[in-house]
Amino acid sequence: MSARIEPPRRYPWWARLAFLEARRTVGQVPEPFRITARRPKLLFATIVYEWAILKTPRLSIRLKMLAALRSSSLVGCPF
């Protein structure tokens, strides 16, 4: 599957680390991550935001994953 926007040729080291974690968690790197990597500061902010949501102590990780799965299915996202 090809994106309409060409991804960068080389990603920062921390982006590659985030891609590795996404591949381990989801099975592949989400296309929005690769496209957002064209603007490294924006990708970094997105990663920090996602990490902060994941680490909030009020909800269990299982419930957070269930909410993410349900919201993704509602909007038709494969992730």
Protein backbone atom coordinates (compact mmCIF):
# COMPACT_ATOMS: atom_id res chain seq x y z
CA MET A 1 0.00 0.00 0.00
CA SER A 2 1.49 3.33 -0.96
CA ALA A 3 0.81 6.61 0.74
CA ARG A 4 -0.02 9.75 -1.18
CA ILE A 5 2.67 11.57 0.79
CA GLU A 6 6.19 10.25 0.37
CA PRO A 7 7.67 9.25 3.76
CA PRO A 8 11.16 10.55 4.58
CA ARG A 9 14.19 8.53 3.55
CA ARG A 10 15.66 8.40 7.05
CA TYR A 11 13.94 8.65 10.41
CA PRO A 12 15.45 9.94 13.69
CA TRP A 13 16.71 7.23 16.05
CA TRP A 14 13.88 7.79 18.52
CA ALA A 15 11.31 7.47 15.72
CA ARG A 16 12.79 4.13 14.71
CA LEU A 17 12.56 3.07 18.36
CA ALA A 18 8.88 4.11 18.43
CA PHE A 19 8.27 2.22 15.17
CA LEU A 20 9.84 -0.87 16.68
CA GLU A 21 7.54 -0.62 19.70
CA ALA A 22 4.50 -0.07 17.48
CA ARG A 23 5.47 -3.08 15.36
CA ARG A 24 5.84 -5.16 18.51
CA THR A 25 2.49 -3.98 19.91
CA VAL A 26 0.27 -3.75 16.83
CA GLY A 27 2.10 -5.94 14.34
CA GLN A 28 3.01 -3.16 11.92
CA VAL A 29 3.83 0.53 11.96
CA PRO A 30 0.69 2.65 11.55
CA GLU A 31 0.81 4.76 8.39
CA PRO A 32 0.02 8.01 10.29
CA PHE A 33 3.23 7.49 12.29
CA ARG A 34 5.28 7.26 9.12
CA ILE A 35 3.63 10.31 7.58
CA THR A 36 3.94 12.33 10.78
CA ALA A 37 7.64 11.49 10.78
CA ARG A 38 8.03 14.08 8.03
CA ARG A 39 7.80 16.58 10.90
CA PRO A 40 9.94 15.07 13.67
CA LYS A 41 8.78 17.54 16.34
CA LEU A 42 5.15 16.69 15.61
CA LEU A 43 5.90 12.97 15.74
CA PHE A 44 7.72 13.44 19.03
CA ALA A 45 4.74 15.33 20.48
CA THR A 46 2.38 12.59 19.28
CA ILE A 47 4.53 9.89 20.86
CA VAL A 48 4.70 11.78 24.17
CA TYR A 49 0.92 12.26 24.09
CA GLU A 50 0.26 8.57 23.39
CA TRP A 51 2.70 7.57 26.12
CA ALA A 52 1.02 9.91 28.62
CA ILE A 53 -2.37 8.42 27.86
CA LEU A 54 -0.98 4.92 28.21
CA LYS A 55 0.62 5.71 31.57
CA THR A 56 -2.37 7.43 33.25
CA PRO A 57 -3.04 5.46 36.41
CA ARG A 58 -6.82 5.93 36.61
CA LEU A 59 -7.74 3.18 34.17
CA SER A 60 -6.37 -0.29 33.70
CA ILE A 61 -4.34 -0.94 30.56
CA ARG A 62 -6.84 -3.58 29.48
CA LEU A 63 -9.70 -1.06 29.62
CA LYS A 64 -7.64 1.52 27.70
CA MET A 65 -6.88 -1.02 24.98
CA LEU A 66 -10.55 -1.98 24.79
CA ALA A 67 -11.54 1.69 24.43
CA ALA A 68 -8.93 2.20 21.71
CA LEU A 69 -10.15 -0.88 19.85
CA ARG A 70 -13.78 0.22 20.06
CA SER A 71 -13.09 3.78 18.94
CA SER A 72 -10.93 2.52 16.07
CA SER A 73 -13.67 0.19 14.90
CA LEU A 74 -16.22 3.01 15.05
CA VAL A 75 -14.21 5.21 12.69
CA GLY A 76 -13.07 2.34 10.46
CA CYS A 77 -9.39 2.42 11.41
CA PRO A 78 -7.56 -0.93 11.09
CA PHE A 79 -5.53 -0.15 14.26
